[in-house]
Amino acid sequence: MNENEFPILFSIIIPTKDRLNLLQQCLNSVSAQKYLNFEVIVVDDNSIDGTWEWLYKRSGDRFIVLKNKFGGRSNGRNIGKEFANGEFICFIDDDDYVSTNFLSDFYEGLKIYDFRNNIILRTHFVYDRDGVFSDSKSSYDANKYGSGVNFALYEFCSSCSVCLSKNLSVKEDFPIDVDNWEDSHFLLRILAYGDLIQLPSYNYFYRIHDKMGSKLVMDKNILIENCIKHVGYMDNFFLLYGGRNPQIFTLDAKNKITSEKFAEYAVNAMGLKEYKQAIKLILKSFNRGIYLRNLKHYGMFVINFFKF
């Protein structure tokens, strides 16, 4: 199997909405790939900034453009999966970009494992904060975590960091009623079907900017509301899917990740000088349990508290 063979080996799925400038940079990085046997499926979520018109002119050859009539990033990804022609699926967010080796490294990794359809390859992240770069410390080690499910539960493991077979990807959909935890929700279910393989490469560039979804949910006017909703998604996941992997999806596991989420929001509330909200959120975190993994959040909360 090589890059000139058919059928198409990789389908890259990119959901987008009103981010034309960033999307163009994203697609430029995709166009510069060293490995060439791929298609790009961009699913537009009713953009009003000229994105659809620009995409429509560019469609053809390896670029497929689709409409997301129902809205939402999860719907966009699900639509992309449905129309994908590639044997393996990759996801990229429209505000991020990838190195020229993004696909070639996945290809070399697949070769090692004989293009098995029950493995999920993962590349590392590089954080891009306005041109200041730092490598993600999150790296899967089977000896440390025991399983890919355990890793995805406790660490940052976005769907954009992985490459998986289409046969595997269609076993589960992204949840259309979940915001800001949809990646974990999807991966925690998908990883039950296959083995996670960590590649040594750092090929995905994750932009940190004020308009990214994880920043917008920290709006001080709806911060507690968003936090309760976010934790509710986690609670509901354990309720619906806990029986699939009861040794991992335990009550203690649920309390650990929800306690951490409350603490994370509490620190952000402190940073926004919303002190009453911060106190409410840190108490909710303590109510779920006090854990060593939250020490960083506790420390930042105390420092900001005494600054007040």
C-alpha atoms as a PDB file:
ATOM      1  CA  MET A   1       0.000   0.000   0.000  1.00  0.00           C
ATOM      2  CA  ASN A   2       1.468   3.374  -0.980  1.00  0.00           C
ATOM      3  CA  GLU A   3       0.387   6.966  -1.400  1.00  0.00           C
ATOM      4  CA  ASN A   4      -0.476   6.532  -5.087  1.00  0.00           C
ATOM      5  CA  GLU A   5      -2.787   3.556  -4.579  1.00  0.00           C
ATOM      6  CA  PHE A   6      -6.549   3.577  -4.443  1.00  0.00           C
ATOM      7  CA  PRO A   7      -8.854   3.500  -2.623  1.00  0.00           C
ATOM      8  CA  ILE A   8      -8.136   6.679  -0.672  1.00  0.00           C
ATOM      9  CA  LEU A   9      -6.238   5.920   2.516  1.00  0.00           C
ATOM     10  CA  PHE A  10      -7.013   8.975   4.696  1.00  0.00           C
ATOM     11  CA  SER A  11     -10.099  11.162   5.080  1.00  0.00           C
ATOM     12  CA  ILE A  12      -9.491  14.369   7.039  1.00  0.00           C
ATOM     13  CA  ILE A  13     -12.706  15.763   8.511  1.00  0.00           C
ATOM     14  CA  ILE A  14     -12.896  19.448   9.438  1.00  0.00           C
ATOM     15  CA  PRO A  15     -16.102  20.965  10.869  1.00  0.00           C
ATOM     16  CA  THR A  16     -16.180  24.753  10.567  1.00  0.00           C
ATOM     17  CA  LYS A  17     -18.269  27.799  11.417  1.00  0.00           C
ATOM     18  CA  ASP A  18     -17.437  31.471  10.788  1.00  0.00           C
ATOM     19  CA  ARG A  19     -13.660  31.120  11.007  1.00  0.00           C
ATOM     20  CA  LEU A  20     -12.666  31.697   7.409  1.00  0.00           C
ATOM     21  CA  ASN A  21      -9.229  33.151   8.110  1.00  0.00           C
ATOM     22  CA  LEU A  22      -8.240  30.397  10.520  1.00  0.00           C
ATOM     23  CA  LEU A  23      -9.785  27.739   8.282  1.00  0.00           C
ATOM     24  CA  GLN A  24      -7.691  28.946   5.349  1.00  0.00           C
ATOM     25  CA  GLN A  25      -4.538  28.559   7.444  1.00  0.00           C
ATOM     26  CA  CYS A  26      -5.709  25.115   8.527  1.00  0.00           C
ATOM     27  CA  LEU A  27      -6.309  24.001   4.935  1.00  0.00           C
ATOM     28  CA  ASN A  28      -2.965  25.415   3.816  1.00  0.00           C
ATOM     29  CA  SER A  29      -1.273  23.107   6.319  1.00  0.00           C
ATOM     30  CA  VAL A  30      -3.312  20.169   5.036  1.00  0.00           C
ATOM     31  CA  SER A  31      -2.422  20.993   1.423  1.00  0.00           C
ATOM     32  CA  ALA A  32       1.273  20.884   2.344  1.00  0.00           C
ATOM     33  CA  GLN A  33       1.199  17.233   3.448  1.00  0.00           C
ATOM     34  CA  LYS A  34       4.103  15.061   2.330  1.00  0.00           C
ATOM     35  CA  TYR A  35       1.806  12.050   2.076  1.00  0.00           C
ATOM     36  CA  LEU A  36      -0.633  12.515  -0.796  1.00  0.00           C
ATOM     37  CA  ASN A  37      -3.285   9.781  -0.766  1.00  0.00           C
ATOM     38  CA  PHE A  38      -5.972  11.643   1.159  1.00  0.00           C
ATOM     39  CA  GLU A  39      -9.179  13.610   0.838  1.00  0.00           C
ATOM     40  CA  VAL A  40     -10.429  16.553   2.888  1.00  0.00           C
ATOM     41  CA  ILE A  41     -14.057  16.830   3.952  1.00  0.00           C
ATOM     42  CA  VAL A  42     -15.013  20.270   5.259  1.00  0.00           C
ATOM     43  CA  VAL A  43     -18.462  20.452   6.846  1.00  0.00           C
ATOM     44  CA  ASP A  44     -19.753  24.022   7.117  1.00  0.00           C
ATOM     45  CA  ASP A  45     -22.152  24.893   9.932  1.00  0.00           C
ATOM     46  CA  ASN A  46     -24.207  27.645   8.260  1.00  0.00           C
ATOM     47  CA  SER A  47     -21.386  30.202   8.260  1.00  0.00           C
ATOM     48  CA  ILE A  48     -22.238  33.827   7.525  1.00  0.00           C
ATOM     49  CA  ASP A  49     -18.685  35.155   7.047  1.00  0.00           C
ATOM     50  CA  GLY A  50     -18.204  33.961   3.462  1.00  0.00           C
ATOM     51  CA  THR A  51     -16.808  30.556   4.474  1.00  0.00           C
ATOM     52  CA  TRP A  52     -19.300  28.558   2.409  1.00  0.00           C
ATOM     53  CA  GLU A  53     -18.792  30.642  -0.722  1.00  0.00           C
ATOM     54  CA  TRP A  54     -15.009  30.369  -0.428  1.00  0.00           C
ATOM     55  CA  LEU A  55     -15.188  26.619   0.159  1.00  0.00           C
ATOM     56  CA  TYR A  56     -17.581  26.053  -2.721  1.00  0.00           C
ATOM     57  CA  LYS A  57     -15.124  27.647  -5.150  1.00  0.00           C
ATOM     58  CA  ARG A  58     -12.340  25.458  -3.805  1.00  0.00           C
ATOM     59  CA  SER A  59     -14.255  22.148  -3.851  1.00  0.00           C
ATOM     60  CA  GLY A  60     -13.166  19.408  -6.205  1.00  0.00           C
ATOM     61  CA  ASP A  61     -10.225  17.053  -6.572  1.00  0.00           C
ATOM     62  CA  ARG A  62      -9.385  16.011  -3.029  1.00  0.00           C
ATOM     63  CA  PHE A  63     -11.601  18.679  -1.349  1.00  0.00           C
ATOM     64  CA  ILE A  64     -15.217  17.797  -0.531  1.00  0.00           C
ATOM     65  CA  VAL A  65     -17.499  20.471   0.916  1.00  0.00           C
ATOM     66  CA  LEU A  66     -20.703  19.607   2.778  1.00  0.00           C
ATOM     67  CA  LYS A  67     -23.441  21.538   4.584  1.00  0.00           C
ATOM     68  CA  ASN A  68     -24.289  20.900   8.215  1.00  0.00           C
ATOM     69  CA  LYS A  69     -27.979  21.796   8.250  1.00  0.00           C
ATOM     70  CA  PHE A  70     -28.502  20.657  11.832  1.00  0.00           C
ATOM     71  CA  GLY A  71     -25.646  22.646  13.374  1.00  0.00           C
ATOM     72  CA  GLY A  72     -22.984  21.794  15.913  1.00  0.00           C
ATOM     73  CA  ARG A  73     -19.454  20.446  15.706  1.00  0.00           C
ATOM     74  CA  SER A  74     -20.518  16.911  16.624  1.00  0.00           C
ATOM     75  CA  ASN A  75     -23.057  16.831  13.816  1.00  0.00           C
ATOM     76  CA  GLY A  76     -20.380  18.109  11.457  1.00  0.00           C
ATOM     77  CA  ARG A  77     -17.986  15.331  12.407  1.00  0.00           C
ATOM     78  CA  ASN A  78     -20.705  12.694  12.142  1.00  0.00           C
ATOM     79  CA  ILE A  79     -21.656  13.930   8.670  1.00  0.00           C
ATOM     80  CA  GLY A  80     -18.001  13.848   7.641  1.00  0.00           C
ATOM     81  CA  LYS A  81     -17.631  10.251   8.843  1.00  0.00           C
ATOM     82  CA  GLU A  82     -20.711   9.220   6.893  1.00  0.00           C
ATOM     83  CA  PHE A  83     -19.373  10.617   3.609  1.00  0.00           C
ATOM     84  CA  ALA A  84     -15.731   9.633   4.105  1.00  0.00           C
ATOM     85  CA  ASN A  85     -14.147   7.508   1.374  1.00  0.00           C
ATOM     86  CA  GLY A  86     -10.861   6.903   3.173  1.00  0.00           C
ATOM     87  CA  GLU A  87      -9.937   3.720   4.985  1.00  0.00           C
ATOM     88  CA  PHE A  88      -8.708   5.779   7.959  1.00  0.00           C
ATOM     89  CA  ILE A  89     -10.171   8.904   9.553  1.00  0.00           C
ATOM     90  CA  CYS A  90      -8.454  11.977  11.028  1.00  0.00           C
ATOM     91  CA  PHE A  91     -10.119  15.024  12.561  1.00  0.00           C
ATOM     92  CA  ILE A  92      -8.831  18.601  12.607  1.00  0.00           C
ATOM     93  CA  ASP A  93     -10.530  21.623  14.184  1.00  0.00           C
ATOM     94  CA  ASP A  94     -10.867  24.639  11.907  1.00  0.00           C
ATOM     95  CA  ASP A  95      -8.801  26.914  14.188  1.00  0.00           C
ATOM     96  CA  ASP A  96      -5.853  24.508  14.398  1.00  0.00           C
ATOM     97  CA  TYR A  97      -3.248  23.297  11.921  1.00  0.00           C
ATOM     98  CA  VAL A  98      -0.891  20.370  11.381  1.00  0.00           C
ATOM     99  CA  SER A  99       2.730  19.749  10.399  1.00  0.00           C
ATOM    100  CA  THR A 100       3.674  18.486   6.956  1.00  0.00           C
ATOM    101  CA  ASN A 101       4.318  15.062   8.536  1.00  0.00           C
ATOM    102  CA  PHE A 102       0.844  14.706  10.060  1.00  0.00           C
ATOM    103  CA  LEU A 103      -0.308  12.040   7.579  1.00  0.00           C
ATOM    104  CA  SER A 104       3.091  10.548   6.713  1.00  0.00           C
ATOM    105  CA  ASP A 105       3.753   9.714  10.376  1.00  0.00           C
ATOM    106  CA  PHE A 106       0.314   8.131  10.706  1.00  0.00           C
ATOM    107  CA  TYR A 107       1.044   6.181   7.513  1.00  0.00           C
ATOM    108  CA  GLU A 108       4.362   4.883   8.879  1.00  0.00           C
ATOM    109  CA  GLY A 109       2.652   3.934  12.135  1.00  0.00           C
ATOM    110  CA  LEU A 110      -0.090   2.048  10.313  1.00  0.00           C
ATOM    111  CA  LYS A 111       2.538   0.195   8.283  1.00  0.00           C
ATOM    112  CA  ILE A 112       4.148  -1.102  11.472  1.00  0.00           C
ATOM    113  CA  TYR A 113       0.810  -2.586  12.532  1.00  0.00           C
ATOM    114  CA  ASP A 114      -0.112  -3.933   9.059  1.00  0.00           C
ATOM    115  CA  PHE A 115      -2.915  -1.369   8.661  1.00  0.00           C
ATOM    116  CA  ARG A 116      -5.033  -3.114  11.293  1.00  0.00           C
ATOM    117  CA  ASN A 117      -8.498  -1.600  11.666  1.00  0.00           C
ATOM    118  CA  ASN A 118      -8.610  -2.062  15.446  1.00  0.00           C
ATOM    119  CA  ILE A 119      -5.831   0.346  16.433  1.00  0.00           C
ATOM    120  CA  ILE A 120      -6.072   4.058  17.208  1.00  0.00           C
ATOM    121  CA  LEU A 121      -2.862   5.992  16.553  1.00  0.00           C
ATOM    122  CA  ARG A 122      -2.189   9.179  18.498  1.00  0.00           C
ATOM    123  CA  THR A 123       0.179  12.067  17.831  1.00  0.00           C
ATOM    124  CA  HIS A 124       1.209  14.654  20.439  1.00  0.00           C
ATOM    125  CA  PHE A 125      -0.027  18.250  20.598  1.00  0.00           C
ATOM    126  CA  VAL A 126       1.953  21.440  20.320  1.00  0.00           C
ATOM    127  CA  TYR A 127       0.219  24.407  21.955  1.00  0.00           C
ATOM    128  CA  ASP A 128       0.363  27.648  19.967  1.00  0.00           C
ATOM    129  CA  ARG A 129      -0.255  30.718  22.114  1.00  0.00           C
ATOM    130  CA  ASP A 130       0.071  33.549  19.593  1.00  0.00           C
ATOM    131  CA  GLY A 131       3.308  32.140  18.220  1.00  0.00           C
ATOM    132  CA  VAL A 132       4.681  30.951  21.564  1.00  0.00           C
ATOM    133  CA  PHE A 133       4.950  27.166  21.341  1.00  0.00           C
ATOM    134  CA  SER A 134       5.001  24.499  24.035  1.00  0.00           C
ATOM    135  CA  ASP A 135       4.726  20.726  23.784  1.00  0.00           C
ATOM    136  CA  SER A 136       1.884  18.910  25.456  1.00  0.00           C
ATOM    137  CA  LYS A 137       2.986  16.836  28.446  1.00  0.00           C
ATOM    138  CA  SER A 138       0.112  14.413  27.869  1.00  0.00           C
ATOM    139  CA  SER A 139       1.488  11.155  26.436  1.00  0.00           C
ATOM    140  CA  TYR A 140      -0.015   7.673  26.509  1.00  0.00           C
ATOM    141  CA  ASP A 141       2.052   4.966  28.197  1.00  0.00           C
ATOM    142  CA  ALA A 142       0.321   1.590  28.504  1.00  0.00           C
ATOM    143  CA  ASN A 143       2.454   0.675  31.534  1.00  0.00           C
ATOM    144  CA  LYS A 144       1.363   3.833  33.354  1.00  0.00           C
ATOM    145  CA  TYR A 145      -2.299   4.036  32.346  1.00  0.00           C
ATOM    146  CA  GLY A 146      -3.147   0.402  31.688  1.00  0.00           C
ATOM    147  CA  SER A 147      -5.511   1.192  28.833  1.00  0.00           C
ATOM    148  CA  GLY A 148      -6.409   3.890  26.335  1.00  0.00           C
ATOM    149  CA  VAL A 149      -9.767   4.311  28.067  1.00  0.00           C
ATOM    150  CA  ASN A 150      -8.035   5.175  31.339  1.00  0.00           C
ATOM    151  CA  PHE A 151      -5.821   7.686  29.546  1.00  0.00           C
ATOM    152  CA  ALA A 152      -8.736   9.390  27.774  1.00  0.00           C
ATOM    153  CA  LEU A 153     -10.646   9.610  31.046  1.00  0.00           C
ATOM    154  CA  TYR A 154      -7.965  11.497  32.965  1.00  0.00           C
ATOM    155  CA  GLU A 155      -5.860  13.279  30.328  1.00  0.00           C
ATOM    156  CA  PHE A 156      -6.402  15.684  27.425  1.00  0.00           C
ATOM    157  CA  CYS A 157      -6.984  13.304  24.501  1.00  0.00           C
ATOM    158  CA  SER A 158      -8.832  15.145  21.754  1.00  0.00           C
ATOM    159  CA  SER A 159     -10.212  13.295  18.721  1.00  0.00           C
ATOM    160  CA  CYS A 160      -7.975  15.616  16.688  1.00  0.00           C
ATOM    161  CA  SER A 161      -4.893  13.813  17.998  1.00  0.00           C
ATOM    162  CA  VAL A 162      -5.915  10.389  16.700  1.00  0.00           C
ATOM    163  CA  CYS A 163      -6.183   8.395  13.488  1.00  0.00           C
ATOM    164  CA  LEU A 164      -8.596   5.471  13.386  1.00  0.00           C
ATOM    165  CA  SER A 165     -10.123   3.204  10.769  1.00  0.00           C
ATOM    166  CA  LYS A 166     -13.452   4.167   9.250  1.00  0.00           C
ATOM    167  CA  ASN A 167     -14.755   0.739  10.275  1.00  0.00           C
ATOM    168  CA  LEU A 168     -13.955   1.633  13.862  1.00  0.00           C
ATOM    169  CA  SER A 169     -15.183   5.229  13.667  1.00  0.00           C
ATOM    170  CA  VAL A 170     -18.704   4.279  12.567  1.00  0.00           C
ATOM    171  CA  LYS A 171     -19.262   2.118  15.647  1.00  0.00           C
ATOM    172  CA  GLU A 172     -19.984   5.272  17.647  1.00  0.00           C
ATOM    173  CA  ASP A 173     -21.082   8.834  16.855  1.00  0.00           C
ATOM    174  CA  PHE A 174     -20.104  12.098  18.458  1.00  0.00           C
ATOM    175  CA  PRO A 175     -22.865  13.094  20.920  1.00  0.00           C
ATOM    176  CA  ILE A 176     -24.951  15.889  19.407  1.00  0.00           C
ATOM    177  CA  ASP A 177     -26.337  17.024  22.778  1.00  0.00           C
ATOM    178  CA  VAL A 178     -22.937  17.494  24.454  1.00  0.00           C
ATOM    179  CA  ASP A 179     -20.775  20.647  24.300  1.00  0.00           C
ATOM    180  CA  ASN A 180     -17.101  20.919  25.280  1.00  0.00           C
ATOM    181  CA  TRP A 181     -16.759  17.291  26.363  1.00  0.00           C
ATOM    182  CA  GLU A 182     -17.793  15.630  23.106  1.00  0.00           C
ATOM    183  CA  ASP A 183     -14.265  14.466  22.259  1.00  0.00           C
ATOM    184  CA  SER A 184     -13.851  12.568  25.512  1.00  0.00           C
ATOM    185  CA  HIS A 185     -17.399  11.214  25.259  1.00  0.00           C
ATOM    186  CA  PHE A 186     -16.644   9.793  21.785  1.00  0.00           C
ATOM    187  CA  LEU A 187     -13.157   8.472  22.546  1.00  0.00           C
ATOM    188  CA  LEU A 188     -14.138   6.783  25.812  1.00  0.00           C
ATOM    189  CA  ARG A 189     -16.611   4.702  23.798  1.00  0.00           C
ATOM    190  CA  ILE A 190     -14.423   4.143  20.706  1.00  0.00           C
ATOM    191  CA  LEU A 191     -11.340   3.070  22.681  1.00  0.00           C
ATOM    192  CA  ALA A 192     -13.278   0.094  24.014  1.00  0.00           C
ATOM    193  CA  TYR A 193     -13.035  -1.411  20.513  1.00  0.00           C
ATOM    194  CA  GLY A 194      -9.328  -0.960  19.824  1.00  0.00           C
ATOM    195  CA  ASP A 195      -5.815  -0.403  21.138  1.00  0.00           C
ATOM    196  CA  LEU A 196      -4.375   3.091  21.573  1.00  0.00           C
ATOM    197  CA  ILE A 197      -0.874   3.465  20.124  1.00  0.00           C
ATOM    198  CA  GLN A 198       1.155   6.577  21.007  1.00  0.00           C
ATOM    199  CA  LEU A 199       3.447   7.876  18.260  1.00  0.00           C
ATOM    200  CA  PRO A 200       6.534   9.911  19.260  1.00  0.00           C
ATOM    201  CA  SER A 201       5.683  12.732  16.823  1.00  0.00           C
ATOM    202  CA  TYR A 202       4.364  16.227  17.636  1.00  0.00           C
ATOM    203  CA  ASN A 203       2.268  16.988  14.559  1.00  0.00           C
ATOM    204  CA  TYR A 204      -0.911  18.723  15.750  1.00  0.00           C
ATOM    205  CA  PHE A 205      -0.808  22.453  16.548  1.00  0.00           C
ATOM    206  CA  TYR A 206      -3.528  23.430  19.004  1.00  0.00           C
ATOM    207  CA  ARG A 207      -4.194  27.177  19.008  1.00  0.00           C
ATOM    208  CA  ILE A 208      -4.963  28.912  22.302  1.00  0.00           C
ATOM    209  CA  HIS A 209      -7.039  32.036  21.575  1.00  0.00           C
ATOM    210  CA  ASP A 210      -9.898  34.060  23.048  1.00  0.00           C
ATOM    211  CA  LYS A 211     -12.560  32.778  20.624  1.00  0.00           C
ATOM    212  CA  MET A 212     -11.922  29.056  21.169  1.00  0.00           C
ATOM    213  CA  GLY A 213     -14.821  27.078  22.604  1.00  0.00           C
ATOM    214  CA  SER A 214     -13.123  26.205  25.895  1.00  0.00           C
ATOM    215  CA  LYS A 215     -12.536  29.932  26.528  1.00  0.00           C
ATOM    216  CA  LEU A 216     -16.051  31.044  25.596  1.00  0.00           C
ATOM    217  CA  VAL A 217     -17.631  28.725  28.180  1.00  0.00           C
ATOM    218  CA  MET A 218     -15.777  30.711  30.859  1.00  0.00           C
ATOM    219  CA  ASP A 219     -17.937  33.799  30.213  1.00  0.00           C
ATOM    220  CA  LYS A 220     -18.505  35.208  33.697  1.00  0.00           C
ATOM    221  CA  ASN A 221     -22.217  35.766  33.023  1.00  0.00           C
ATOM    222  CA  ILE A 222     -22.912  32.066  32.468  1.00  0.00           C
ATOM    223  CA  LEU A 223     -19.892  30.461  34.117  1.00  0.00           C
ATOM    224  CA  ILE A 224     -21.709  28.478  36.820  1.00  0.00           C
ATOM    225  CA  GLU A 225     -24.413  27.473  34.353  1.00  0.00           C
ATOM    226  CA  ASN A 226     -21.809  26.170  31.930  1.00  0.00           C
ATOM    227  CA  CYS A 227     -19.922  24.365  34.672  1.00  0.00           C
ATOM    228  CA  ILE A 228     -23.050  22.584  35.928  1.00  0.00           C
ATOM    229  CA  LYS A 229     -23.869  21.612  32.345  1.00  0.00           C
ATOM    230  CA  HIS A 230     -20.309  20.403  31.715  1.00  0.00           C
ATOM    231  CA  VAL A 231     -20.253  18.250  34.856  1.00  0.00           C
ATOM    232  CA  GLY A 232     -23.742  17.035  33.987  1.00  0.00           C
ATOM    233  CA  TYR A 233     -22.415  15.596  30.721  1.00  0.00           C
ATOM    234  CA  MET A 234     -19.826  13.645  32.710  1.00  0.00           C
ATOM    235  CA  ASP A 235     -22.375  12.383  35.247  1.00  0.00           C
ATOM    236  CA  ASN A 236     -24.709  11.342  32.445  1.00  0.00           C
ATOM    237  CA  PHE A 237     -21.922   9.482  30.629  1.00  0.00           C
ATOM    238  CA  PHE A 238     -21.257   7.339  33.704  1.00  0.00           C
ATOM    239  CA  LEU A 239     -24.982   6.718  34.101  1.00  0.00           C
ATOM    240  CA  LEU A 240     -25.423   5.610  30.478  1.00  0.00           C
ATOM    241  CA  TYR A 241     -22.120   3.857  29.780  1.00  0.00           C
ATOM    242  CA  GLY A 242     -20.677   2.914  33.167  1.00  0.00           C
ATOM    243  CA  GLY A 243     -21.748  -0.682  32.673  1.00  0.00           C
ATOM    244  CA  ARG A 244     -19.562  -1.032  29.574  1.00  0.00           C
ATOM    245  CA  ASN A 245     -16.367  -0.862  31.596  1.00  0.00           C
ATOM    246  CA  PRO A 246     -17.276  -1.057  35.305  1.00  0.00           C
ATOM    247  CA  GLN A 247     -13.668  -1.553  36.423  1.00  0.00           C
ATOM    248  CA  ILE A 248     -12.714   1.860  35.002  1.00  0.00           C
ATOM    249  CA  PHE A 249     -16.002   3.798  35.057  1.00  0.00           C
ATOM    250  CA  THR A 250     -16.302   3.674  38.852  1.00  0.00           C
ATOM    251  CA  LEU A 251     -17.927   6.129  41.260  1.00  0.00           C
ATOM    252  CA  ASP A 252     -14.455   7.213  42.402  1.00  0.00           C
ATOM    253  CA  ALA A 253     -13.414   7.867  38.781  1.00  0.00           C
ATOM    254  CA  LYS A 254     -16.508   9.986  38.227  1.00  0.00           C
ATOM    255  CA  ASN A 255     -15.870  11.956  41.414  1.00  0.00           C
ATOM    256  CA  LYS A 256     -12.222  12.535  40.454  1.00  0.00           C
ATOM    257  CA  ILE A 257     -12.925  14.026  37.034  1.00  0.00           C
ATOM    258  CA  THR A 258     -15.954  16.058  38.127  1.00  0.00           C
ATOM    259  CA  SER A 259     -14.145  17.384  41.208  1.00  0.00           C
ATOM    260  CA  GLU A 260     -11.329  18.490  38.926  1.00  0.00           C
ATOM    261  CA  LYS A 261     -13.754  20.158  36.523  1.00  0.00           C
ATOM    262  CA  PHE A 262     -15.427  22.147  39.335  1.00  0.00           C
ATOM    263  CA  ALA A 263     -11.955  23.191  40.585  1.00  0.00           C
ATOM    264  CA  GLU A 264     -10.917  24.270  37.079  1.00  0.00           C
ATOM    265  CA  TYR A 265     -13.998  26.480  36.737  1.00  0.00           C
ATOM    266  CA  ALA A 266     -13.441  27.854  40.258  1.00  0.00           C
ATOM    267  CA  VAL A 267      -9.923  28.989  39.333  1.00  0.00           C
ATOM    268  CA  ASN A 268     -11.247  30.666  36.196  1.00  0.00           C
ATOM    269  CA  ALA A 269     -13.960  32.411  38.230  1.00  0.00           C
ATOM    270  CA  MET A 270     -11.237  33.744  40.542  1.00  0.00           C
ATOM    271  CA  GLY A 271      -9.304  35.018  37.546  1.00  0.00           C
ATOM    272  CA  LEU A 272     -12.429  36.864  36.412  1.00  0.00           C
ATOM    273  CA  LYS A 273     -12.823  38.318  39.953  1.00  0.00           C
ATOM    274  CA  GLU A 274     -16.143  36.529  40.327  1.00  0.00           C
ATOM    275  CA  TYR A 275     -15.378  35.597  43.928  1.00  0.00           C
ATOM    276  CA  LYS A 276     -18.819  34.430  45.038  1.00  0.00           C
ATOM    277  CA  GLN A 277     -19.050  32.133  42.027  1.00  0.00           C
ATOM    278  CA  ALA A 278     -15.527  30.886  42.688  1.00  0.00           C
ATOM    279  CA  ILE A 279     -16.352  29.967  46.302  1.00  0.00           C
ATOM    280  CA  LYS A 280     -19.518  28.116  45.217  1.00  0.00           C
ATOM    281  CA  LEU A 281     -17.587  26.148  42.609  1.00  0.00           C
ATOM    282  CA  ILE A 282     -14.655  25.186  44.838  1.00  0.00           C
ATOM    283  CA  LEU A 283     -17.132  23.946  47.470  1.00  0.00           C
ATOM    284  CA  LYS A 284     -18.821  21.821  44.807  1.00  0.00           C
ATOM    285  CA  SER A 285     -15.385  20.438  43.952  1.00  0.00           C
ATOM    286  CA  PHE A 286     -14.707  19.554  47.597  1.00  0.00           C
ATOM    287  CA  ASN A 287     -18.140  17.933  47.802  1.00  0.00           C
ATOM    288  CA  ARG A 288     -17.099  15.492  45.068  1.00  0.00           C
ATOM    289  CA  GLY A 289     -13.847  14.748  46.891  1.00  0.00           C
ATOM    290  CA  ILE A 290     -10.393  16.211  47.529  1.00  0.00           C
ATOM    291  CA  TYR A 291      -7.763  14.661  45.273  1.00  0.00           C
ATOM    292  CA  LEU A 292      -4.000  15.022  44.775  1.00  0.00           C
ATOM    293  CA  ARG A 293      -4.513  15.496  41.035  1.00  0.00           C
ATOM    294  CA  ASN A 294      -6.270  18.792  41.852  1.00  0.00           C
ATOM    295  CA  LEU A 295      -3.368  20.285  43.821  1.00  0.00           C
ATOM    296  CA  LYS A 296      -2.458  22.621  40.962  1.00  0.00           C
ATOM    297  CA  HIS A 297      -6.005  24.027  40.891  1.00  0.00           C
ATOM    298  CA  TYR A 298      -6.171  24.301  44.689  1.00  0.00           C
ATOM    299  CA  GLY A 299      -2.864  26.172  44.723  1.00  0.00           C
ATOM    300  CA  MET A 300      -3.946  28.628  42.016  1.00  0.00           C
ATOM    301  CA  PHE A 301      -7.244  29.174  43.816  1.00  0.00           C
ATOM    302  CA  VAL A 302      -5.517  29.992  47.123  1.00  0.00           C
ATOM    303  CA  ILE A 303      -3.000  32.330  45.448  1.00  0.00           C
ATOM    304  CA  ASN A 304      -5.771  34.258  43.663  1.00  0.00           C
ATOM    305  CA  PHE A 305      -7.877  34.281  46.845  1.00  0.00           C
ATOM    306  CA  PHE A 306      -5.173  36.053  48.839  1.00  0.00           C
ATOM    307  CA  LYS A 307      -4.554  38.467  46.018  1.00  0.00           C
ATOM    308  CA  PHE A 308      -8.182  39.494  46.489  1.00  0.00           C
END
